[in-house]
Every structure is written in structure tokens, then in C-alpha cells.
């Protein structure tokens, strides 16, 4: 991908020993964006999920430790948590919505 062709998606696969050839057409990034409205909601959701998976590096050891620490604190004192509806309201007022 890339090079003088610009940003494209697709590739040509050839397995000469097996006599098989598969050719995928190349699409520019602009063409991919242009085709998005033709995809179903499920297809777009799958596309987004796959893109997120590609960038998902997981949690570091320090981040995992922080999650565990906060989970233990919540289990020890569940009344200290804030309901989602209240948190959403607080966030909206914070950003002026």
C-alpha cells in the first residue's frame, strides 16, 4: 500500500504453485469514505470495531494495577460510587450541554 499509488486498500495475491490467483481491486481512502453510506449499520459497526482492535494495545501493568485498586475500593465502599445518570448530568453541565 502507499507508494506512488497513494493511499489504497487491497492487494493482489498469487499462489502460482497451486494455480490460484485472487485479485482484489484497490480503493483510495476517498473511495472507501464514499462507500460508507452504502454499508449497513452492522457493517459500519464491524468496521469501527475492527479499526479499534487494530489500535488496541491493552492495558499496561500500571494501568491494570490502577483498575484493580479502584475496583477493590469500590467493593469496599459501593455507596461511594455515582450513578451513571448523575455522572452524565454532571458531564453535560461541565461542557455546557
N, C-alpha and C. Protein backbone atom coordinates (compact mmCIF):
# COMPACT_ATOMS: atom_id res chain seq x y z
N UNK A 1 0.85 -1.18 0.00
CA UNK A 1 0.00 0.00 0.00
C UNK A 1 0.88 1.23 0.00
N UNK A 2 0.33 2.36 -0.34
CA UNK A 2 1.09 3.60 -0.35
C UNK A 2 1.89 3.71 -1.61
N UNK A 3 3.10 4.31 -1.53
CA UNK A 3 3.93 4.48 -2.70
C UNK A 3 3.35 5.49 -3.65
N UNK A 4 3.64 5.33 -4.93
CA UNK A 4 3.18 6.29 -5.93
C UNK A 4 1.68 6.18 -6.21
N UNK A 5 1.07 5.07 -5.77
CA UNK A 5 -0.37 4.90 -6.00
C UNK A 5 -1.20 5.74 -5.05
N UNK A 6 -0.60 6.29 -4.01
CA UNK A 6 -1.37 6.99 -2.99
C UNK A 6 -1.86 5.99 -1.97
N UNK A 7 -2.76 6.41 -1.11
CA UNK A 7 -3.29 5.53 -0.08
C UNK A 7 -4.37 4.67 -0.71
N UNK A 8 -4.12 3.36 -0.77
CA UNK A 8 -5.08 2.44 -1.37
C UNK A 8 -5.30 1.25 -0.45
N UNK A 9 -6.40 0.56 -0.67
CA UNK A 9 -6.75 -0.61 0.11
C UNK A 9 -6.95 -1.77 -0.84
N UNK A 10 -6.33 -2.89 -0.55
CA UNK A 10 -6.46 -4.06 -1.39
C UNK A 10 -5.10 -4.60 -1.76
N UNK A 11 -5.07 -5.78 -2.36
CA UNK A 11 -3.82 -6.37 -2.77
C UNK A 11 -4.09 -7.47 -3.78
N UNK A 12 -3.02 -7.89 -4.46
CA UNK A 12 -3.11 -9.00 -5.40
C UNK A 12 -2.40 -10.17 -4.75
N UNK A 13 -3.04 -11.30 -4.69
CA UNK A 13 -2.46 -12.49 -4.10
C UNK A 13 -2.31 -13.53 -5.20
N UNK A 14 -1.12 -14.11 -5.32
CA UNK A 14 -0.87 -15.12 -6.34
C UNK A 14 -0.21 -16.32 -5.71
N UNK A 15 -0.75 -17.48 -5.92
CA UNK A 15 -0.16 -18.73 -5.46
C UNK A 15 0.05 -19.57 -6.70
N UNK A 16 1.14 -19.30 -7.42
CA UNK A 16 1.39 -19.93 -8.71
C UNK A 16 1.50 -21.44 -8.61
N UNK A 17 2.10 -21.96 -7.54
CA UNK A 17 2.28 -23.41 -7.43
C UNK A 17 0.95 -24.14 -7.35
N UNK A 18 -0.05 -23.50 -6.78
CA UNK A 18 -1.37 -24.12 -6.69
C UNK A 18 -2.26 -23.70 -7.86
N UNK A 19 -1.75 -22.80 -8.72
CA UNK A 19 -2.53 -22.34 -9.85
C UNK A 19 -3.68 -21.44 -9.47
N UNK A 20 -3.60 -20.83 -8.31
CA UNK A 20 -4.69 -19.97 -7.84
C UNK A 20 -4.27 -18.51 -7.92
N UNK A 21 -5.21 -17.68 -8.32
CA UNK A 21 -4.98 -16.24 -8.37
C UNK A 21 -6.23 -15.55 -7.84
N UNK A 22 -6.05 -14.62 -6.96
CA UNK A 22 -7.16 -13.81 -6.46
C UNK A 22 -6.74 -12.36 -6.61
N UNK A 23 -7.58 -11.55 -7.20
CA UNK A 23 -7.27 -10.14 -7.39
C UNK A 23 -8.33 -9.32 -6.68
N UNK A 24 -7.86 -8.44 -5.83
CA UNK A 24 -8.74 -7.52 -5.14
C UNK A 24 -8.50 -6.14 -5.72
N UNK A 25 -9.55 -5.45 -6.04
CA UNK A 25 -9.37 -4.11 -6.59
C UNK A 25 -8.89 -3.17 -5.50
N UNK A 26 -8.21 -2.12 -5.90
CA UNK A 26 -7.69 -1.13 -4.98
C UNK A 26 -8.68 0.01 -4.85
N UNK A 27 -8.84 0.49 -3.64
CA UNK A 27 -9.71 1.62 -3.39
C UNK A 27 -8.90 2.70 -2.68
N UNK A 28 -9.06 3.91 -3.11
CA UNK A 28 -8.41 5.01 -2.41
C UNK A 28 -9.17 5.25 -1.11
N UNK A 29 -8.55 5.97 -0.21
CA UNK A 29 -9.20 6.31 1.05
C UNK A 29 -10.49 7.08 0.77
N UNK A 30 -10.45 8.00 -0.18
CA UNK A 30 -11.63 8.78 -0.54
C UNK A 30 -12.75 7.86 -1.04
N UNK A 31 -12.40 6.83 -1.81
CA UNK A 31 -13.40 5.89 -2.30
C UNK A 31 -14.00 5.07 -1.16
N UNK A 32 -13.17 4.70 -0.20
CA UNK A 32 -13.67 3.97 0.96
C UNK A 32 -14.69 4.83 1.70
N UNK A 33 -14.34 6.10 1.93
CA UNK A 33 -15.26 7.01 2.61
C UNK A 33 -16.55 7.19 1.82
N UNK A 34 -16.43 7.25 0.52
CA UNK A 34 -17.59 7.43 -0.35
C UNK A 34 -18.54 6.24 -0.26
N UNK A 35 -17.99 5.05 -0.04
CA UNK A 35 -18.80 3.83 0.01
C UNK A 35 -19.43 3.57 1.39
N UNK A 36 -19.00 4.27 2.41
CA UNK A 36 -19.52 4.03 3.76
C UNK A 36 -21.04 4.10 3.86
N UNK A 37 -21.70 5.08 3.24
CA UNK A 37 -23.16 5.14 3.37
C UNK A 37 -23.87 3.91 2.80
N UNK A 38 -23.23 3.19 1.90
CA UNK A 38 -23.85 2.00 1.31
C UNK A 38 -23.80 0.79 2.24
N UNK A 39 -22.97 0.87 3.28
CA UNK A 39 -22.87 -0.23 4.23
C UNK A 39 -24.03 -0.21 5.20
N UNK A 40 -24.41 -1.38 5.66
CA UNK A 40 -25.47 -1.46 6.67
C UNK A 40 -24.91 -1.00 8.01
N UNK A 41 -25.79 -0.74 8.95
CA UNK A 41 -25.37 -0.33 10.28
C UNK A 41 -24.45 -1.39 10.88
N UNK A 42 -24.81 -2.65 10.75
CA UNK A 42 -23.99 -3.74 11.30
C UNK A 42 -22.60 -3.75 10.66
N UNK A 43 -22.53 -3.51 9.36
CA UNK A 43 -21.24 -3.49 8.67
C UNK A 43 -20.38 -2.31 9.13
N UNK A 44 -21.00 -1.15 9.31
CA UNK A 44 -20.25 0.01 9.80
C UNK A 44 -19.77 -0.22 11.23
N UNK A 45 -20.61 -0.83 12.05
CA UNK A 45 -20.20 -1.13 13.43
C UNK A 45 -19.03 -2.11 13.44
N UNK A 46 -19.08 -3.10 12.57
CA UNK A 46 -17.98 -4.07 12.46
C UNK A 46 -16.70 -3.38 12.01
N UNK A 47 -16.82 -2.47 11.07
CA UNK A 47 -15.67 -1.71 10.57
C UNK A 47 -15.04 -0.89 11.69
N UNK A 48 -15.86 -0.21 12.47
CA UNK A 48 -15.36 0.60 13.58
C UNK A 48 -14.71 -0.30 14.63
N UNK A 49 -15.36 -1.41 14.96
CA UNK A 49 -14.80 -2.33 15.95
C UNK A 49 -13.45 -2.86 15.50
N UNK A 50 -13.33 -3.19 14.23
CA UNK A 50 -12.06 -3.70 13.70
C UNK A 50 -10.98 -2.63 13.75
N UNK A 51 -11.32 -1.41 13.42
CA UNK A 51 -10.35 -0.31 13.47
C UNK A 51 -9.87 -0.10 14.90
N UNK A 52 -10.77 -0.18 15.85
CA UNK A 52 -10.40 -0.02 17.26
C UNK A 52 -9.49 -1.16 17.70
N UNK A 53 -9.79 -2.39 17.26
CA UNK A 53 -8.95 -3.54 17.60
C UNK A 53 -7.52 -3.35 17.11
N UNK A 54 -7.37 -2.76 15.94
CA UNK A 54 -6.04 -2.55 15.38
C UNK A 54 -5.20 -1.63 16.24
N UNK A 55 -5.85 -0.68 16.90
CA UNK A 55 -5.14 0.29 17.73
C UNK A 55 -5.11 -0.09 19.21
N UNK A 56 -5.86 -1.13 19.59
CA UNK A 56 -5.95 -1.51 21.00
C UNK A 56 -4.67 -2.19 21.44
N UNK A 57 -3.96 -1.53 22.32
CA UNK A 57 -2.70 -2.06 22.84
C UNK A 57 -2.89 -2.75 24.18
N UNK A 58 -4.09 -2.73 24.70
CA UNK A 58 -4.33 -3.31 26.01
C UNK A 58 -3.82 -2.38 27.11
N UNK A 59 -3.99 -2.80 28.32
CA UNK A 59 -3.56 -2.00 29.46
C UNK A 59 -2.12 -2.34 29.84
N UNK A 60 -1.41 -1.33 30.29
CA UNK A 60 -0.06 -1.56 30.81
C UNK A 60 -0.21 -2.20 32.19
N UNK A 61 0.87 -2.67 32.75
CA UNK A 61 0.84 -3.26 34.09
C UNK A 61 0.37 -2.22 35.11
N UNK A 62 0.86 -0.98 34.97
CA UNK A 62 0.45 0.09 35.88
C UNK A 62 -1.03 0.42 35.74
N UNK A 63 -1.53 0.44 34.51
CA UNK A 63 -2.95 0.73 34.29
C UNK A 63 -3.82 -0.40 34.86
N UNK A 64 -3.40 -1.63 34.64
CA UNK A 64 -4.15 -2.77 35.18
C UNK A 64 -4.18 -2.72 36.71
N UNK A 65 -3.05 -2.35 37.33
CA UNK A 65 -2.98 -2.23 38.78
C UNK A 65 -3.94 -1.14 39.28
N UNK A 66 -4.01 -0.03 38.55
CA UNK A 66 -4.91 1.06 38.93
C UNK A 66 -6.37 0.62 38.83
N UNK A 67 -6.71 -0.12 37.79
CA UNK A 67 -8.08 -0.63 37.64
C UNK A 67 -8.42 -1.53 38.82
N UNK A 68 -7.50 -2.45 39.16
CA UNK A 68 -7.74 -3.36 40.29
C UNK A 68 -7.87 -2.62 41.60
N UNK A 69 -7.03 -1.60 41.79
CA UNK A 69 -7.08 -0.79 43.02
C UNK A 69 -8.43 -0.09 43.15
N UNK A 70 -8.90 0.48 42.05
CA UNK A 70 -10.18 1.20 42.09
C UNK A 70 -11.36 0.24 42.25
N UNK A 71 -11.26 -0.94 41.65
CA UNK A 71 -12.31 -1.94 41.80
C UNK A 71 -12.39 -2.41 43.24
N UNK A 72 -11.24 -2.63 43.87
CA UNK A 72 -11.22 -3.03 45.27
C UNK A 72 -11.80 -1.94 46.16
N UNK A 73 -11.49 -0.68 45.87
CA UNK A 73 -12.03 0.44 46.65
C UNK A 73 -13.54 0.50 46.49
N UNK A 74 -14.04 0.26 45.30
CA UNK A 74 -15.49 0.26 45.06
C UNK A 74 -16.16 -0.87 45.83
N UNK A 75 -15.55 -2.05 45.78
CA UNK A 75 -16.13 -3.19 46.50
C UNK A 75 -16.15 -2.94 48.01
N UNK A 76 -15.15 -2.25 48.51
CA UNK A 76 -15.09 -1.95 49.95
C UNK A 76 -16.10 -0.89 50.35
N UNK A 77 -16.44 0.00 49.41
CA UNK A 77 -17.35 1.11 49.73
C UNK A 77 -18.24 1.41 48.52
N UNK A 78 -19.18 0.52 48.17
CA UNK A 78 -20.01 0.72 46.97
C UNK A 78 -20.87 1.97 47.02
N UNK A 79 -21.19 2.44 48.23
CA UNK A 79 -22.02 3.65 48.35
C UNK A 79 -21.30 4.91 47.89
N UNK A 80 -19.98 4.82 47.72
CA UNK A 80 -19.23 6.00 47.27
C UNK A 80 -19.32 6.21 45.76
N UNK A 81 -19.89 5.25 45.05
CA UNK A 81 -20.00 5.39 43.59
C UNK A 81 -21.13 6.35 43.22
N UNK A 82 -21.08 6.85 42.00
CA UNK A 82 -22.07 7.79 41.49
C UNK A 82 -22.87 7.09 40.39
N UNK A 83 -24.20 7.13 40.43
CA UNK A 83 -24.99 6.51 39.37
C UNK A 83 -24.65 7.13 38.00
N UNK A 84 -24.75 6.32 36.96
CA UNK A 84 -24.41 6.79 35.63
C UNK A 84 -25.25 8.00 35.23
N UNK A 85 -26.53 8.00 35.54
CA UNK A 85 -27.40 9.13 35.17
C UNK A 85 -26.90 10.43 35.80
N UNK A 86 -26.44 10.37 37.04
CA UNK A 86 -25.92 11.57 37.70
C UNK A 86 -24.59 12.00 37.07
N UNK A 87 -23.72 11.04 36.77
CA UNK A 87 -22.44 11.35 36.13
C UNK A 87 -22.67 11.98 34.76
N UNK A 88 -23.61 11.44 34.00
CA UNK A 88 -23.93 12.00 32.69
C UNK A 88 -24.42 13.45 32.82
N UNK A 89 -25.26 13.69 33.79
CA UNK A 89 -25.77 15.04 34.03
C UNK A 89 -24.62 15.99 34.40
N UNK A 90 -23.71 15.54 35.24
CA UNK A 90 -22.57 16.35 35.64
C UNK A 90 -21.67 16.66 34.45
N UNK A 91 -21.43 15.67 33.60
CA UNK A 91 -20.60 15.88 32.41
C UNK A 91 -21.24 16.87 31.44
N UNK A 92 -22.55 16.73 31.26
CA UNK A 92 -23.25 17.65 30.35
C UNK A 92 -23.18 19.08 30.86
N UNK A 93 -23.35 19.28 32.16
CA UNK A 93 -23.28 20.64 32.68
C UNK A 93 -21.86 21.18 32.61
N UNK A 94 -20.89 20.29 32.74
CA UNK A 94 -19.48 20.69 32.66
C UNK A 94 -19.13 21.22 31.27
N UNK A 95 -19.67 20.58 30.22
CA UNK A 95 -19.35 21.01 28.86
C UNK A 95 -20.41 21.94 28.27
N UNK A 96 -21.41 22.26 29.06
CA UNK A 96 -22.41 23.24 28.62
C UNK A 96 -23.50 22.68 27.73
N UNK A 97 -23.89 21.43 27.92
CA UNK A 97 -24.99 20.85 27.13
C UNK A 97 -26.26 20.77 27.94
